[in-house]
C-alpha atoms as a PDB file:
ATOM      1  CA  MET A   1       0.000   0.000   0.000  1.00  0.00           C
ATOM      2  CA  LEU A   2       1.257   3.470  -0.879  1.00  0.00           C
ATOM      3  CA  ILE A   3       1.669   5.762   2.118  1.00  0.00           C
ATOM      4  CA  ILE A   4       1.528   9.483   1.344  1.00  0.00           C
ATOM      5  CA  ASP A   5       3.287  12.149   3.409  1.00  0.00           C
ATOM      6  CA  VAL A   6       2.919  15.087   0.993  1.00  0.00           C
ATOM      7  CA  TYR A   7       0.393  15.461  -1.821  1.00  0.00           C
ATOM      8  CA  TRP A   8      -0.152  18.332  -4.263  1.00  0.00           C
ATOM      9  CA  ASP A   9      -3.790  18.231  -5.310  1.00  0.00           C
ATOM     10  CA  ASN A  10      -5.325  19.962  -8.276  1.00  0.00           C
ATOM     11  CA  THR A  11      -7.919  17.328  -9.147  1.00  0.00           C
ATOM     12  CA  GLY A  12     -10.102  16.793  -6.080  1.00  0.00           C
ATOM     13  CA  GLY A  13     -12.916  14.282  -6.345  1.00  0.00           C
ATOM     14  CA  GLU A  14     -12.319  10.546  -6.109  1.00  0.00           C
ATOM     15  CA  ILE A  15      -8.544  10.935  -6.370  1.00  0.00           C
ATOM     16  CA  LEU A  16      -8.438  13.189  -3.316  1.00  0.00           C
ATOM     17  CA  ASP A  17     -10.655  10.726  -1.453  1.00  0.00           C
ATOM     18  CA  ALA A  18      -8.146   7.954  -2.236  1.00  0.00           C
ATOM     19  CA  VAL A  19      -5.311  10.172  -0.997  1.00  0.00           C
ATOM     20  CA  TYR A  20      -7.071  10.644   2.346  1.00  0.00           C
ATOM     21  CA  LEU A  21      -7.232   6.851   2.695  1.00  0.00           C
ATOM     22  CA  SER A  22      -3.544   6.400   1.836  1.00  0.00           C
ATOM     23  CA  ALA A  23      -2.231   9.395   3.765  1.00  0.00           C
ATOM     24  CA  ASN A  24       0.110   8.842   6.663  1.00  0.00           C
ATOM     25  CA  ASP A  25      -0.757  10.453  10.005  1.00  0.00           C
ATOM     26  CA  PHE A  26       0.202  14.159   9.928  1.00  0.00           C
ATOM     27  CA  ALA A  27       0.518  14.192   6.123  1.00  0.00           C
ATOM     28  CA  ARG A  28       0.365  17.546   4.326  1.00  0.00           C
ATOM     29  CA  ILE A  29      -1.975  18.159   1.415  1.00  0.00           C
ATOM     30  CA  VAL A  30      -1.749  21.246  -0.785  1.00  0.00           C
ATOM     31  CA  ALA A  31      -5.009  22.061  -2.554  1.00  0.00           C
ATOM     32  CA  CYS A  32      -4.763  24.338  -5.561  1.00  0.00           C
ATOM     33  CA  GLY A  33      -7.701  23.256  -7.705  1.00  0.00           C
ATOM     34  CA  PHE A  34     -10.523  20.808  -8.235  1.00  0.00           C
ATOM     35  CA  ALA A  35     -10.324  19.948 -11.924  1.00  0.00           C
ATOM     36  CA  SER A  36     -12.570  16.913 -11.536  1.00  0.00           C
ATOM     37  CA  ASN A  37     -15.462  19.190 -10.580  1.00  0.00           C
ATOM     38  CA  TYR A  38     -15.015  21.991 -13.132  1.00  0.00           C
ATOM     39  CA  GLY A  39     -18.155  22.217 -15.246  1.00  0.00           C
ATOM     40  CA  ASN A  40     -19.689  19.207 -13.497  1.00  0.00           C
ATOM     41  CA  PRO A  41     -23.357  19.857 -12.661  1.00  0.00           C
ATOM     42  CA  LYS A  42     -23.171  17.204  -9.888  1.00  0.00           C
ATOM     43  CA  PRO A  43     -19.725  17.570  -8.295  1.00  0.00           C
ATOM     44  CA  TYR A  44     -18.281  14.631  -6.385  1.00  0.00           C
ATOM     45  CA  GLY A  45     -18.729  14.927  -2.624  1.00  0.00           C
ATOM     46  CA  LEU A  46     -15.790  13.733  -0.562  1.00  0.00           C
ATOM     47  CA  VAL A  47     -16.563  10.549   1.367  1.00  0.00           C
ATOM     48  CA  ASN A  48     -13.369  10.294   3.456  1.00  0.00           C
ATOM     49  CA  TYR A  49     -13.440  13.886   4.696  1.00  0.00           C
ATOM     50  CA  GLY A  50     -13.460  12.709   8.325  1.00  0.00           C
ATOM     51  CA  LEU A  51      -9.946  11.313   7.923  1.00  0.00           C
ATOM     52  CA  ILE A  52      -8.584  14.863   7.989  1.00  0.00           C
ATOM     53  CA  ALA A  53      -9.250  14.968  11.726  1.00  0.00           C
ATOM     54  CA  HIS A  54      -8.643  11.275  12.430  1.00  0.00           C
ATOM     55  CA  LYS A  55      -5.204  11.288  10.773  1.00  0.00           C
ATOM     56  CA  ARG A  56      -4.448  14.886  11.794  1.00  0.00           C
ATOM     57  CA  LEU A  57      -3.852  15.907   8.194  1.00  0.00           C
ATOM     58  CA  LEU A  58      -2.816  19.424   7.293  1.00  0.00           C
ATOM     59  CA  VAL A  59      -4.798  20.571   4.265  1.00  0.00           C
ATOM     60  CA  GLN A  60      -4.067  24.066   2.998  1.00  0.00           C
ATOM     61  CA  GLY A  61      -5.381  25.699  -0.121  1.00  0.00           C
ATOM     62  CA  PHE A  62      -3.889  28.467  -2.172  1.00  0.00           C
ATOM     63  CA  ILE A  63      -4.353  30.149  -5.497  1.00  0.00           C
ATOM     64  CA  GLN A  64      -1.619  31.076  -7.928  1.00  0.00           C
ATOM     65  CA  THR A  65      -1.834  34.793  -7.224  1.00  0.00           C
ATOM     66  CA  ASP A  66      -0.906  34.153  -3.567  1.00  0.00           C
ATOM     67  CA  LEU A  67       2.657  33.601  -4.770  1.00  0.00           C
ATOM     68  CA  ILE A  68       2.866  36.338  -7.416  1.00  0.00           C
ATOM     69  CA  GLN A  69       5.518  38.377  -5.551  1.00  0.00           C
ATOM     70  CA  LYS A  70       7.757  35.331  -5.180  1.00  0.00           C
ATOM     71  CA  TYR A  71       7.177  34.466  -8.833  1.00  0.00           C
ATOM     72  CA  TYR A  72       8.625  37.802  -9.934  1.00  0.00           C
ATOM     73  CA  MET A  73      11.550  37.479  -7.512  1.00  0.00           C
ATOM     74  CA  VAL A  74      12.380  34.020  -8.891  1.00  0.00           C
ATOM     75  CA  CYS A  75      12.079  35.213 -12.516  1.00  0.00           C
ATOM     76  CA  CYS A  76      14.453  38.100 -11.791  1.00  0.00           C
ATOM     77  CA  LYS A  77      16.963  35.814 -10.084  1.00  0.00           C
ATOM     78  CA  ILE A  78      16.859  33.256 -12.919  1.00  0.00           C
ATOM     79  CA  THR A  79      17.326  36.035 -15.493  1.00  0.00           C
ATOM     80  CA  GLU A  80      20.301  37.333 -13.515  1.00  0.00           C
ATOM     81  CA  LEU A  81      21.860  33.864 -13.333  1.00  0.00           C
ATOM     82  CA  ILE A  82      21.402  33.202 -17.047  1.00  0.00           C
ATOM     83  CA  SER A  83      22.851  36.623 -17.910  1.00  0.00           C
ATOM     84  CA  GLY A  84      25.883  35.800 -15.788  1.00  0.00           C
ATOM     85  CA  LEU A  85      26.364  32.531 -17.644  1.00  0.00           C
ATOM     86  CA  TYR A  86      26.218  34.306 -20.998  1.00  0.00           C
ATOM     87  CA  GLU A  87      28.783  36.858 -19.812  1.00  0.00           C
ATOM     88  CA  ARG A  88      31.072  34.112 -18.575  1.00  0.00           C
ATOM     89  CA  TYR A  89      30.688  31.504 -21.302  1.00  0.00           C
ATOM     90  CA  GLY A  90      29.188  33.319 -24.272  1.00  0.00           C
ATOM     91  CA  GLU A  91      26.500  31.558 -26.224  1.00  0.00           C
ATOM     92  CA  LEU A  92      25.524  28.296 -24.522  1.00  0.00           C
ATOM     93  CA  GLY A  93      25.683  25.149 -26.568  1.00  0.00           C
ATOM     94  CA  GLY A  94      28.075  22.629 -27.968  1.00  0.00           C
ATOM     95  CA  GLU A  95      31.384  22.145 -26.177  1.00  0.00           C
ATOM     96  CA  ARG A  96      31.132  25.354 -24.152  1.00  0.00           C
ATOM     97  CA  ALA A  97      28.027  24.110 -22.358  1.00  0.00           C
ATOM     98  CA  ASN A  98      30.134  21.299 -20.866  1.00  0.00           C
ATOM     99  CA  GLN A  99      32.345  23.873 -19.121  1.00  0.00           C
ATOM    100  CA  ILE A 100      29.531  25.035 -16.850  1.00  0.00           C
ATOM    101  CA  GLN A 101      29.789  23.603 -13.379  1.00  0.00           C
END
């Protein structure tokens, strides 16, 4: 049996119910969407919801815009790193790409 300690959920529905069954005590579940229910006139209702308390699961939801400031910081840092590589090694590719460590 698969034991889950961390699960990133963007489907919901029956898959999320199965995760609750397989989750280890104190597992963490990140909820960022419920694709299985989008456009569904009769969305699936979770059956194993009670396992959140029984197994002491941490379930936290977020939406993409919660992380928008970090997204821009990461993009800037990646751009800076790539620019530094170009300055140091010129155009990446071929034999010169093997020099990067």
